[in-house]
Amino acid sequence: MLVRAICATLRFEMRDLPTDSRKLIYCGWHGRSFAFSDYFRHRGWYVIISHSSDGEMQNRVFTRLGYKVIRGSTGRGGVRAAVEAIRALEEGGTMAMTPDGPRGPSGVVQGGVMLMARKSGAGLIPVGIAAKPRVVAKSWDKYIVPLPFAKCLMIFGAPLYVSPNASDDEVEQVRLQLEAEIHRLERLAEAELGVPSETLK
């Protein structure tokens, strides 16, 4: 109810949003997911949520927002979640990922999303998100909650792909490229709105 109440008042601007979202993985930092989760609600997109106590709350929220939830994390159920996600992507599904979550470190792309992209052939879409005015939590991810009637800008980058035959070094190159591009787009969005940079790296 809180997410819907706030986001119903937001002024959204989407820049370079792909016209076809099939077989794509949207990647934005954990602390910037508030507005994204509401804007893309009820599209049948997939999300991965951990089995933690926080994950239980997120599961209820994302289910009510119309997402298809896959449960798992690096600590528990990660392999099964990855297999389910890869299958969904191969069938043309769309995923929304926080590649630095749920435990961090903040602003660092983890290996799970790279495995999904490599096995499924899905494109990785970097997303930079900023909002003004907003509240920044004192949490590990500097979670941002837009205030009512805030402007929210989301800038989408070009898709990045991982070859199924890529070497570990090649996968790492794409991982670093994705990480750098999310940070770049986020800084760009923050600069355009004139808010202090909360970039985590």
N, C-alpha and C. Protein backbone atom coordinates (compact mmCIF):
# COMPACT_ATOMS: atom_id res chain seq x y z
N MET A 1 0.83 -1.20 0.00
CA MET A 1 0.00 0.00 0.00
C MET A 1 0.87 1.26 0.00
N LEU A 2 1.97 1.21 0.77
CA LEU A 2 2.87 2.36 0.81
C LEU A 2 3.50 2.62 -0.55
N VAL A 3 3.98 1.55 -1.19
CA VAL A 3 4.60 1.68 -2.51
C VAL A 3 3.61 2.28 -3.50
N ARG A 4 2.39 1.74 -3.54
CA ARG A 4 1.41 2.23 -4.50
C ARG A 4 1.01 3.67 -4.20
N ALA A 5 0.85 4.00 -2.92
CA ALA A 5 0.41 5.35 -2.55
C ALA A 5 1.43 6.39 -2.98
N ILE A 6 2.71 6.11 -2.75
CA ILE A 6 3.75 7.06 -3.13
C ILE A 6 3.92 7.11 -4.64
N CYS A 7 4.03 5.93 -5.26
CA CYS A 7 4.33 5.89 -6.70
C CYS A 7 3.20 6.42 -7.56
N ALA A 8 1.98 6.40 -7.04
CA ALA A 8 0.85 6.96 -7.80
C ALA A 8 1.01 8.46 -8.02
N THR A 9 1.84 9.12 -7.21
CA THR A 9 2.03 10.56 -7.33
C THR A 9 3.29 10.93 -8.12
N LEU A 10 4.14 9.94 -8.42
CA LEU A 10 5.43 10.25 -9.04
C LEU A 10 5.29 10.66 -10.50
N ARG A 11 6.22 11.47 -10.95
CA ARG A 11 6.31 11.85 -12.37
C ARG A 11 7.48 11.08 -12.96
N PHE A 12 7.17 10.09 -13.78
CA PHE A 12 8.20 9.20 -14.33
C PHE A 12 8.67 9.70 -15.70
N GLU A 13 9.96 9.57 -15.92
CA GLU A 13 10.53 9.76 -17.26
C GLU A 13 11.41 8.56 -17.57
N MET A 14 11.08 7.88 -18.67
CA MET A 14 11.86 6.73 -19.13
C MET A 14 12.67 7.15 -20.35
N ARG A 15 13.94 6.86 -20.33
CA ARG A 15 14.80 7.23 -21.45
C ARG A 15 15.47 5.98 -22.04
N ASP A 16 15.27 5.79 -23.34
CA ASP A 16 15.87 4.66 -24.06
C ASP A 16 15.37 3.31 -23.55
N LEU A 17 14.13 3.27 -23.12
CA LEU A 17 13.52 2.00 -22.69
C LEU A 17 13.34 1.09 -23.90
N PRO A 18 13.82 -0.15 -23.85
CA PRO A 18 13.66 -1.06 -24.99
C PRO A 18 12.20 -1.25 -25.37
N THR A 19 11.94 -1.33 -26.66
CA THR A 19 10.56 -1.50 -27.12
C THR A 19 10.10 -2.95 -26.98
N ASP A 20 11.02 -3.88 -26.93
CA ASP A 20 10.70 -5.29 -26.76
C ASP A 20 11.51 -5.82 -25.58
N SER A 21 10.83 -6.21 -24.52
CA SER A 21 11.52 -6.63 -23.30
C SER A 21 11.71 -8.13 -23.19
N ARG A 22 11.30 -8.88 -24.20
CA ARG A 22 11.43 -10.33 -24.11
C ARG A 22 12.91 -10.75 -24.05
N LYS A 23 13.17 -11.72 -23.20
CA LYS A 23 14.50 -12.31 -23.03
C LYS A 23 15.53 -11.24 -22.68
N LEU A 24 15.16 -10.37 -21.74
CA LEU A 24 16.07 -9.35 -21.23
C LEU A 24 16.12 -9.43 -19.70
N ILE A 25 17.27 -9.04 -19.15
CA ILE A 25 17.44 -8.95 -17.71
C ILE A 25 17.74 -7.49 -17.37
N TYR A 26 16.79 -6.81 -16.75
CA TYR A 26 17.00 -5.42 -16.35
C TYR A 26 17.80 -5.40 -15.05
N CYS A 27 18.89 -4.63 -15.04
CA CYS A 27 19.83 -4.65 -13.91
C CYS A 27 19.99 -3.25 -13.32
N GLY A 28 19.51 -3.06 -12.10
CA GLY A 28 19.70 -1.81 -11.37
C GLY A 28 20.05 -2.13 -9.93
N TRP A 29 20.69 -1.21 -9.25
CA TRP A 29 21.17 -1.49 -7.89
C TRP A 29 20.03 -1.71 -6.91
N HIS A 30 20.32 -2.50 -5.89
CA HIS A 30 19.33 -2.89 -4.89
C HIS A 30 18.65 -1.68 -4.26
N GLY A 31 19.41 -0.65 -3.98
CA GLY A 31 18.87 0.52 -3.31
C GLY A 31 18.03 1.44 -4.18
N ARG A 32 17.86 1.08 -5.44
CA ARG A 32 17.10 1.94 -6.36
C ARG A 32 15.84 1.24 -6.89
N SER A 33 15.41 0.18 -6.22
CA SER A 33 14.33 -0.67 -6.76
C SER A 33 12.92 -0.19 -6.45
N PHE A 34 12.77 0.79 -5.58
CA PHE A 34 11.44 1.19 -5.11
C PHE A 34 10.54 1.62 -6.27
N ALA A 35 10.97 2.64 -7.01
CA ALA A 35 10.13 3.17 -8.09
C ALA A 35 10.05 2.20 -9.26
N PHE A 36 11.17 1.53 -9.57
CA PHE A 36 11.20 0.57 -10.68
C PHE A 36 10.15 -0.52 -10.48
N SER A 37 10.07 -1.04 -9.26
CA SER A 37 9.16 -2.15 -8.99
C SER A 37 7.71 -1.77 -9.24
N ASP A 38 7.36 -0.53 -8.95
CA ASP A 38 5.97 -0.11 -9.17
C ASP A 38 5.69 0.20 -10.64
N TYR A 39 6.61 0.89 -11.29
CA TYR A 39 6.36 1.30 -12.68
C TYR A 39 6.12 0.10 -13.58
N PHE A 40 6.86 -0.98 -13.37
CA PHE A 40 6.76 -2.14 -14.25
C PHE A 40 5.90 -3.26 -13.66
N ARG A 41 4.97 -2.89 -12.79
CA ARG A 41 4.10 -3.87 -12.15
C ARG A 41 3.12 -4.49 -13.16
N HIS A 42 2.64 -5.68 -12.81
CA HIS A 42 1.60 -6.38 -13.57
C HIS A 42 1.97 -6.62 -15.03
N ARG A 43 3.24 -6.88 -15.28
CA ARG A 43 3.69 -7.24 -16.63
C ARG A 43 4.13 -8.70 -16.70
N GLY A 44 4.04 -9.38 -15.57
CA GLY A 44 4.43 -10.77 -15.55
C GLY A 44 5.92 -11.00 -15.59
N TRP A 45 6.70 -9.98 -15.22
CA TRP A 45 8.16 -10.13 -15.19
C TRP A 45 8.57 -10.98 -13.99
N TYR A 46 9.74 -11.57 -14.09
CA TYR A 46 10.28 -12.42 -13.02
C TYR A 46 11.24 -11.63 -12.12
N VAL A 47 11.21 -11.96 -10.84
CA VAL A 47 12.19 -11.44 -9.89
C VAL A 47 12.67 -12.61 -9.02
N ILE A 48 13.90 -12.51 -8.52
CA ILE A 48 14.43 -13.50 -7.59
C ILE A 48 14.51 -12.86 -6.21
N ILE A 49 13.91 -13.51 -5.23
CA ILE A 49 13.85 -12.99 -3.86
C ILE A 49 14.35 -14.06 -2.91
N SER A 50 15.16 -13.65 -1.95
CA SER A 50 15.79 -14.59 -1.03
C SER A 50 14.77 -15.22 -0.08
N HIS A 51 15.22 -16.26 0.64
CA HIS A 51 14.39 -16.94 1.63
C HIS A 51 14.51 -16.30 3.01
N SER A 52 15.14 -15.16 3.12
CA SER A 52 15.33 -14.49 4.41
C SER A 52 14.01 -13.91 4.92
N SER A 53 14.04 -13.40 6.16
CA SER A 53 12.84 -12.76 6.72
C SER A 53 12.47 -11.52 5.92
N ASP A 54 13.49 -10.75 5.48
CA ASP A 54 13.22 -9.60 4.61
C ASP A 54 12.61 -10.06 3.29
N GLY A 55 13.10 -11.21 2.81
CA GLY A 55 12.60 -11.76 1.56
C GLY A 55 11.13 -12.12 1.64
N GLU A 56 10.66 -12.55 2.80
CA GLU A 56 9.24 -12.89 2.96
C GLU A 56 8.38 -11.66 2.73
N MET A 57 8.80 -10.52 3.28
CA MET A 57 8.05 -9.29 3.07
C MET A 57 8.10 -8.88 1.61
N GLN A 58 9.29 -8.95 1.00
CA GLN A 58 9.42 -8.59 -0.41
C GLN A 58 8.59 -9.51 -1.30
N ASN A 59 8.52 -10.78 -0.93
CA ASN A 59 7.73 -11.72 -1.70
C ASN A 59 6.27 -11.29 -1.75
N ARG A 60 5.73 -10.89 -0.60
CA ARG A 60 4.33 -10.44 -0.56
C ARG A 60 4.14 -9.18 -1.40
N VAL A 61 5.09 -8.25 -1.28
CA VAL A 61 4.97 -6.99 -2.02
C VAL A 61 5.02 -7.23 -3.53
N PHE A 62 6.03 -7.98 -3.98
CA PHE A 62 6.21 -8.18 -5.42
C PHE A 62 5.11 -9.05 -6.01
N THR A 63 4.60 -9.99 -5.24
CA THR A 63 3.49 -10.80 -5.73
C THR A 63 2.26 -9.92 -5.95
N ARG A 64 1.99 -9.05 -5.00
CA ARG A 64 0.83 -8.16 -5.14
C ARG A 64 1.02 -7.16 -6.28
N LEU A 65 2.29 -6.86 -6.62
CA LEU A 65 2.55 -5.96 -7.74
C LEU A 65 2.54 -6.69 -9.09
N GLY A 66 2.27 -7.99 -9.06
CA GLY A 66 2.09 -8.73 -10.31
C GLY A 66 3.35 -9.33 -10.90
N TYR A 67 4.40 -9.48 -10.08
CA TYR A 67 5.62 -10.13 -10.56
C TYR A 67 5.55 -11.64 -10.31
N LYS A 68 6.28 -12.40 -11.10
CA LYS A 68 6.44 -13.83 -10.88
C LYS A 68 7.70 -14.03 -10.04
N VAL A 69 7.53 -14.53 -8.84
CA VAL A 69 8.63 -14.60 -7.89
C VAL A 69 9.31 -15.96 -7.93
N ILE A 70 10.63 -15.94 -8.03
CA ILE A 70 11.47 -17.13 -7.89
C ILE A 70 12.24 -16.96 -6.59
N ARG A 71 12.15 -17.93 -5.69
CA ARG A 71 12.79 -17.80 -4.38
C ARG A 71 14.17 -18.44 -4.38
N GLY A 72 15.14 -17.73 -3.84
CA GLY A 72 16.49 -18.26 -3.72
C GLY A 72 17.52 -17.16 -3.61
N SER A 73 18.72 -17.52 -3.12
CA SER A 73 19.84 -16.59 -3.01
C SER A 73 21.12 -17.40 -2.96
N THR A 74 22.25 -16.70 -2.90
CA THR A 74 23.52 -17.41 -2.86
C THR A 74 23.64 -18.30 -1.64
N GLY A 75 23.00 -17.92 -0.55
CA GLY A 75 23.11 -18.70 0.68
C GLY A 75 22.14 -19.86 0.77
N ARG A 76 21.03 -19.78 0.04
CA ARG A 76 19.99 -20.80 0.18
C ARG A 76 19.13 -20.85 -1.07
N GLY A 77 19.11 -22.00 -1.72
CA GLY A 77 18.26 -22.20 -2.88
C GLY A 77 18.74 -21.51 -4.14
N GLY A 78 20.02 -21.12 -4.17
CA GLY A 78 20.53 -20.36 -5.30
C GLY A 78 20.58 -21.13 -6.60
N VAL A 79 21.00 -22.39 -6.54
CA VAL A 79 21.11 -23.20 -7.75
C VAL A 79 19.74 -23.42 -8.37
N ARG A 80 18.79 -23.78 -7.54
CA ARG A 80 17.43 -24.01 -8.04
C ARG A 80 16.85 -22.73 -8.65
N ALA A 81 17.07 -21.60 -7.98
CA ALA A 81 16.56 -20.32 -8.49
C ALA A 81 17.18 -19.99 -9.84
N ALA A 82 18.49 -20.23 -9.96
CA ALA A 82 19.17 -19.95 -11.22
C ALA A 82 18.61 -20.82 -12.35
N VAL A 83 18.37 -22.09 -12.07
CA VAL A 83 17.82 -23.00 -13.08
C VAL A 83 16.44 -22.52 -13.53
N GLU A 84 15.59 -22.14 -12.57
CA GLU A 84 14.26 -21.63 -12.90
C GLU A 84 14.34 -20.35 -13.73
N ALA A 85 15.25 -19.46 -13.35
CA ALA A 85 15.40 -18.19 -14.06
C ALA A 85 15.88 -18.41 -15.48
N ILE A 86 16.85 -19.29 -15.65
CA ILE A 86 17.38 -19.57 -16.99
C ILE A 86 16.28 -20.15 -17.88
N ARG A 87 15.49 -21.06 -17.33
CA ARG A 87 14.40 -21.65 -18.11
C ARG A 87 13.39 -20.58 -18.53
N ALA A 88 13.04 -19.69 -17.59
CA ALA A 88 12.09 -18.62 -17.89
C ALA A 88 12.61 -17.70 -18.99
N LEU A 89 13.89 -17.37 -18.93
CA LEU A 89 14.50 -16.50 -19.93
C LEU A 89 14.56 -17.18 -21.30
N GLU A 90 14.91 -18.45 -21.32
CA GLU A 90 14.96 -19.20 -22.58
C GLU A 90 13.61 -19.23 -23.27
N GLU A 91 12.55 -19.18 -22.47
CA GLU A 91 11.19 -19.19 -23.01
C GLU A 91 10.71 -17.79 -23.39
N GLY A 92 11.60 -16.80 -23.29
CA GLY A 92 11.25 -15.44 -23.69
C GLY A 92 10.81 -14.54 -22.56
N GLY A 93 10.97 -14.98 -21.31
CA GLY A 93 10.57 -14.17 -20.17
C GLY A 93 11.49 -12.99 -19.94
N THR A 94 11.04 -12.10 -19.08
CA THR A 94 11.79 -10.89 -18.73
C THR A 94 12.07 -10.92 -17.23
N MET A 95 13.28 -10.54 -16.85
CA MET A 95 13.65 -10.51 -15.44
C MET A 95 14.07 -9.11 -15.01
N ALA A 96 13.77 -8.80 -13.76
CA ALA A 96 14.27 -7.58 -13.13
C ALA A 96 15.19 -8.02 -12.00
N MET A 97 16.45 -7.61 -12.05
CA MET A 97 17.46 -8.08 -11.10
C MET A 97 18.14 -6.91 -10.38
N THR A 98 18.49 -7.15 -9.12
CA THR A 98 19.38 -6.25 -8.41
C THR A 98 20.70 -7.01 -8.27
N PRO A 99 21.62 -6.82 -9.20
CA PRO A 99 22.81 -7.68 -9.27
C PRO A 99 23.78 -7.52 -8.12
N ASP A 100 23.54 -6.56 -7.22
CA ASP A 100 24.38 -6.44 -6.03
C ASP A 100 23.67 -6.93 -4.77
N GLY A 101 22.46 -7.44 -4.91
CA GLY A 101 21.69 -7.87 -3.74
C GLY A 101 21.65 -9.37 -3.63
N PRO A 102 21.10 -9.88 -2.51
CA PRO A 102 20.50 -9.13 -1.40
C PRO A 102 21.48 -8.74 -0.29
N ARG A 103 22.73 -9.15 -0.39
CA ARG A 103 23.68 -8.91 0.70
C ARG A 103 24.83 -7.97 0.32
N GLY A 104 24.95 -7.64 -0.95
CA GLY A 104 26.05 -6.78 -1.36
C GLY A 104 27.30 -7.59 -1.67
N PRO A 105 28.45 -6.94 -1.80
CA PRO A 105 28.68 -5.51 -1.51
C PRO A 105 27.93 -4.58 -2.47
N SER A 106 27.63 -3.41 -1.97
CA SER A 106 26.84 -2.45 -2.72
C SER A 106 27.52 -2.04 -4.02
N GLY A 107 26.73 -1.99 -5.08
CA GLY A 107 27.24 -1.49 -6.35
C GLY A 107 28.22 -2.40 -7.04
N VAL A 108 28.22 -3.68 -6.69
CA VAL A 108 29.12 -4.65 -7.32
C VAL A 108 28.28 -5.77 -7.92
N VAL A 109 28.42 -6.00 -9.22
CA VAL A 109 27.66 -7.07 -9.90
C VAL A 109 28.19 -8.43 -9.44
N GLN A 110 27.27 -9.27 -8.99
CA GLN A 110 27.62 -10.61 -8.55
C GLN A 110 27.55 -11.61 -9.70
N GLY A 111 28.03 -12.82 -9.45
CA GLY A 111 28.15 -13.80 -10.53
C GLY A 111 26.86 -14.43 -10.99
N GLY A 112 25.82 -14.41 -10.14
CA GLY A 112 24.58 -15.09 -10.51
C GLY A 112 23.94 -14.57 -11.78
N VAL A 113 23.87 -13.26 -11.92
CA VAL A 113 23.24 -12.69 -13.10
C VAL A 113 24.05 -12.99 -14.36
N MET A 114 25.37 -13.10 -14.20
CA MET A 114 26.21 -13.43 -15.34
C MET A 114 25.97 -14.86 -15.80
N LEU A 115 25.81 -15.77 -14.85
CA LEU A 115 25.49 -17.16 -15.18
C LEU A 115 24.17 -17.25 -15.95
N MET A 116 23.16 -16.51 -15.49
CA MET A 116 21.86 -16.54 -16.16
C MET A 116 21.97 -16.03 -17.59
N ALA A 117 22.71 -14.95 -17.78
CA ALA A 117 22.86 -14.39 -19.12
C ALA A 117 23.63 -15.35 -20.03
N ARG A 118 24.64 -15.96 -19.49
CA ARG A 118 25.47 -16.87 -20.29
C ARG A 118 24.71 -18.12 -20.71
N LYS A 119 23.95 -18.69 -19.80
CA LYS A 119 23.23 -19.93 -20.09
C LYS A 119 21.98 -19.73 -20.93
N SER A 120 21.34 -18.57 -20.78
CA SER A 120 20.06 -18.33 -21.47
C SER A 120 20.19 -17.55 -22.77
N GLY A 121 21.30 -16.80 -22.92
CA GLY A 121 21.44 -15.93 -24.08
C GLY A 121 20.70 -14.62 -23.95
N ALA A 122 20.18 -14.33 -22.77
CA ALA A 122 19.42 -13.09 -22.55
C ALA A 122 20.36 -11.89 -22.51
N GLY A 123 19.83 -10.73 -22.90
CA GLY A 123 20.59 -9.49 -22.85
C GLY A 123 20.51 -8.85 -21.48
N LEU A 124 21.62 -8.26 -21.04
CA LEU A 124 21.69 -7.55 -19.78
C LEU A 124 21.49 -6.06 -20.03
N ILE A 125 20.45 -5.47 -19.44
CA ILE A 125 20.14 -4.06 -19.65
C ILE A 125 20.52 -3.27 -18.40
N PRO A 126 21.56 -2.45 -18.46
CA PRO A 126 21.89 -1.60 -17.30
C PRO A 126 20.87 -0.48 -17.15
N VAL A 127 20.52 -0.17 -15.90
CA VAL A 127 19.52 0.87 -15.62
C VAL A 127 20.06 1.81 -14.55
N GLY A 128 20.04 3.10 -14.85
CA GLY A 128 20.39 4.11 -13.86
C GLY A 128 19.13 4.81 -13.40
N ILE A 129 18.94 4.90 -12.09
CA ILE A 129 17.69 5.44 -11.53
C ILE A 129 18.00 6.54 -10.52
N ALA A 130 17.25 7.64 -10.61
CA ALA A 130 17.38 8.73 -9.64
C ALA A 130 16.01 9.35 -9.40
N ALA A 131 15.86 9.97 -8.23
CA ALA A 131 14.58 10.60 -7.90
C ALA A 131 14.85 11.88 -7.10
N LYS A 132 13.95 12.85 -7.26
CA LYS A 132 14.06 14.12 -6.54
C LYS A 132 12.66 14.68 -6.31
N PRO A 133 12.35 15.04 -5.05
CA PRO A 133 13.10 14.82 -3.80
C PRO A 133 12.97 13.38 -3.34
N ARG A 134 13.88 12.98 -2.43
CA ARG A 134 13.89 11.60 -1.97
C ARG A 134 14.48 11.51 -0.58
N VAL A 135 14.30 10.38 0.05
CA VAL A 135 14.92 10.08 1.33
C VAL A 135 15.92 8.96 1.09
N VAL A 136 17.13 9.11 1.63
CA VAL A 136 18.17 8.09 1.50
C VAL A 136 18.37 7.41 2.85
N ALA A 137 18.09 6.12 2.89
CA ALA A 137 18.21 5.38 4.15
C ALA A 137 19.67 5.14 4.51
N LYS A 138 19.94 4.99 5.79
CA LYS A 138 21.29 4.68 6.26
C LYS A 138 21.48 3.16 6.29
N SER A 139 21.27 2.54 5.16
CA SER A 139 21.37 1.09 5.04
C SER A 139 22.57 0.74 4.16
N TRP A 140 22.89 -0.54 4.09
CA TRP A 140 24.07 -0.97 3.33
C TRP A 140 23.98 -0.57 1.87
N ASP A 141 22.75 -0.46 1.34
CA ASP A 141 22.57 -0.15 -0.08
C ASP A 141 22.15 1.30 -0.31
N LYS A 142 22.13 2.12 0.76
CA LYS A 142 21.67 3.52 0.64
C LYS A 142 20.34 3.59 -0.09
N TYR A 143 19.38 2.84 0.42
CA TYR A 143 18.07 2.69 -0.24
C TYR A 143 17.37 4.03 -0.38
N ILE A 144 16.88 4.30 -1.58
CA ILE A 144 16.24 5.58 -1.89
C ILE A 144 14.72 5.40 -1.99
N VAL A 145 14.00 6.21 -1.24
CA VAL A 145 12.54 6.26 -1.32
C VAL A 145 12.14 7.63 -1.84
N PRO A 146 11.56 7.72 -3.03
CA PRO A 146 11.10 9.01 -3.54
C PRO A 146 10.00 9.57 -2.65
N LEU A 147 10.01 10.86 -2.44
CA LEU A 147 8.93 11.49 -1.70
C LEU A 147 7.73 11.71 -2.63
N PRO A 148 6.53 11.87 -2.07
CA PRO A 148 5.36 12.08 -2.92
C PRO A 148 5.57 13.23 -3.90
N PHE A 149 5.11 13.03 -5.14
CA PHE A 149 5.18 13.99 -6.24
C PHE A 149 6.60 14.24 -6.72
N ALA A 150 7.52 13.35 -6.39
CA ALA A 150 8.89 13.47 -6.88
C ALA A 150 8.96 13.15 -8.37
N LYS A 151 10.04 13.60 -9.01
CA LYS A 151 10.34 13.19 -10.37
C LYS A 151 11.29 12.01 -10.31
N CYS A 152 11.00 10.99 -11.09
CA CYS A 152 11.84 9.80 -11.13
C CYS A 152 12.32 9.59 -12.56
N LEU A 153 13.63 9.59 -12.73
CA LEU A 153 14.24 9.41 -14.05
C LEU A 153 14.94 8.06 -14.12
N MET A 154 14.62 7.28 -15.14
CA MET A 154 15.28 6.01 -15.38
C MET A 154 15.91 6.04 -16.77
N ILE A 155 17.20 5.77 -16.83
CA ILE A 155 17.93 5.77 -18.09
C ILE A 155 18.41 4.34 -18.36
N PHE A 156 18.08 3.83 -19.54
CA PHE A 156 18.39 2.45 -19.89
C PHE A 156 19.53 2.40 -20.89
N GLY A 157 20.45 1.48 -20.67
CA GLY A 157 21.59 1.33 -21.56
C GLY A 157 21.34 0.26 -22.61
N ALA A 158 22.28 0.12 -23.52
CA ALA A 158 22.21 -0.89 -24.57
C ALA A 158 22.44 -2.28 -23.95
N PRO A 159 21.84 -3.31 -24.53
CA PRO A 159 22.01 -4.66 -23.98
C PRO A 159 23.43 -5.17 -24.12
N LEU A 160 23.86 -5.89 -23.11
CA LEU A 160 25.16 -6.56 -23.11
C LEU A 160 24.91 -8.06 -23.13
N TYR A 161 25.71 -8.79 -23.90
CA TYR A 161 25.50 -10.23 -24.04
C TYR A 161 26.75 -11.00 -23.64
N VAL A 162 26.51 -12.19 -23.12
CA VAL A 162 27.59 -13.11 -22.75
C VAL A 162 27.49 -14.33 -23.64
N SER A 163 28.51 -14.61 -24.41
CA SER A 163 28.51 -15.77 -25.29
C SER A 163 28.45 -17.05 -24.45
N PRO A 164 27.68 -18.04 -24.91
CA PRO A 164 27.64 -19.32 -24.18
C PRO A 164 29.00 -20.00 -24.10
N ASN A 165 29.90 -19.64 -25.02
CA ASN A 165 31.24 -20.22 -25.04
C ASN A 165 32.29 -19.29 -24.45
N ALA A 166 31.84 -18.25 -23.76
CA ALA A 166 32.77 -17.25 -23.23
C ALA A 166 33.69 -17.87 -22.17
N SER A 167 34.93 -17.45 -22.18
CA SER A 167 35.88 -17.86 -21.14
C SER A 167 35.57 -17.10 -19.87
N ASP A 168 36.18 -17.52 -18.76
CA ASP A 168 35.99 -16.82 -17.50
C ASP A 168 36.44 -15.37 -17.61
N ASP A 169 37.52 -15.13 -18.33
CA ASP A 169 38.01 -13.76 -18.50
C ASP A 169 37.02 -12.92 -19.30
N GLU A 170 36.42 -13.51 -20.31
CA GLU A 170 35.45 -12.78 -21.14
C GLU A 170 34.19 -12.46 -20.34
N VAL A 171 33.75 -13.42 -19.52
CA VAL A 171 32.60 -13.16 -18.65
C VAL A 171 32.92 -12.02 -17.69
N GLU A 172 34.11 -12.02 -17.14
CA GLU A 172 34.52 -10.97 -16.22
C GLU A 172 34.55 -9.61 -16.90
N GLN A 173 34.95 -9.56 -18.15
CA GLN A 173 34.96 -8.30 -18.89
C GLN A 173 33.54 -7.73 -19.02
N VAL A 174 32.59 -8.60 -19.33
CA VAL A 174 31.20 -8.15 -19.46
C VAL A 174 30.66 -7.74 -18.08
N ARG A 175 31.01 -8.49 -17.06
CA ARG A 175 30.56 -8.14 -15.70
C ARG A 175 31.03 -6.75 -15.31
N LEU A 176 32.29 -6.47 -15.56
CA LEU A 176 32.83 -5.15 -15.23
C LEU A 176 32.19 -4.06 -16.09
N GLN A 177 31.91 -4.37 -17.34
CA GLN A 177 31.26 -3.41 -18.23
C GLN A 177 29.85 -3.10 -17.75
N LEU A 178 29.12 -4.14 -17.34
CA LEU A 178 27.76 -3.94 -16.82
C LEU A 178 27.80 -3.09 -15.55
N GLU A 179 28.70 -3.40 -14.67
CA GLU A 179 28.84 -2.67 -13.40
C GLU A 179 29.14 -1.20 -13.66
N ALA A 180 30.10 -0.94 -14.54
CA ALA A 180 30.48 0.44 -14.84
C ALA A 180 29.34 1.20 -15.51
N GLU A 181 28.58 0.52 -16.35
CA GLU A 181 27.50 1.19 -17.08
C GLU A 181 26.34 1.54 -16.15
N ILE A 182 26.01 0.67 -15.20
CA ILE A 182 24.95 1.02 -14.24
C ILE A 182 25.36 2.25 -13.45
N HIS A 183 26.61 2.28 -12.99
CA HIS A 183 27.10 3.44 -12.25
C HIS A 183 27.07 4.70 -13.11
N ARG A 184 27.49 4.59 -14.37
CA ARG A 184 27.52 5.76 -15.26
C ARG A 184 26.11 6.31 -15.48
N LEU A 185 25.16 5.43 -15.75
CA LEU A 185 23.80 5.86 -16.01
C LEU A 185 23.16 6.46 -14.76
N GLU A 186 23.50 5.89 -13.60
CA GLU A 186 22.96 6.43 -12.36
C GLU A 186 23.51 7.83 -12.10
N ARG A 187 24.81 8.00 -12.31
CA ARG A 187 25.39 9.34 -12.14
C ARG A 187 24.77 10.34 -13.11
N LEU A 188 24.51 9.90 -14.34
CA LEU A 188 23.89 10.76 -15.33
C LEU A 188 22.49 11.17 -14.90
N ALA A 189 21.71 10.21 -14.41
CA ALA A 189 20.35 10.51 -13.96
C ALA A 189 20.37 11.46 -12.77
N GLU A 190 21.29 11.24 -11.83
CA GLU A 190 21.40 12.13 -10.67
C GLU A 190 21.80 13.54 -11.08
N ALA A 191 22.73 13.64 -12.02
CA ALA A 191 23.18 14.95 -12.47
C ALA A 191 22.04 15.71 -13.16
N GLU A 192 21.24 15.02 -13.95
CA GLU A 192 20.15 15.68 -14.66
C GLU A 192 19.07 16.18 -13.70
N LEU A 193 18.88 15.46 -12.59
CA LEU A 193 17.89 15.91 -11.62
C LEU A 193 18.48 16.89 -10.62
N GLY A 194 19.81 17.03 -10.63
CA GLY A 194 20.45 17.97 -9.72
C GLY A 194 20.45 17.52 -8.28
N VAL A 195 20.63 16.21 -8.07
CA VAL A 195 20.70 15.69 -6.71
C VAL A 195 22.10 15.19 -6.43
N PRO A 196 22.52 15.19 -5.15
CA PRO A 196 23.86 14.68 -4.82
C PRO A 196 24.01 13.23 -5.22
N SER A 197 25.16 12.87 -5.72
CA SER A 197 25.38 11.51 -6.15
C SER A 197 25.44 10.58 -4.95
N GLU A 198 24.66 9.50 -5.02
CA GLU A 198 24.70 8.47 -4.01
C GLU A 198 25.31 7.21 -4.59
N THR A 199 26.02 7.36 -5.71
CA THR A 199 26.64 6.21 -6.36
C THR A 199 27.52 5.48 -5.36
N LEU A 200 27.39 4.16 -5.37
CA LEU A 200 28.02 3.35 -4.35
C LEU A 200 29.46 2.97 -4.66
N LYS A 201 29.97 3.39 -5.79
CA LYS A 201 31.33 3.02 -6.15
C LYS A 201 31.94 4.12 -6.98
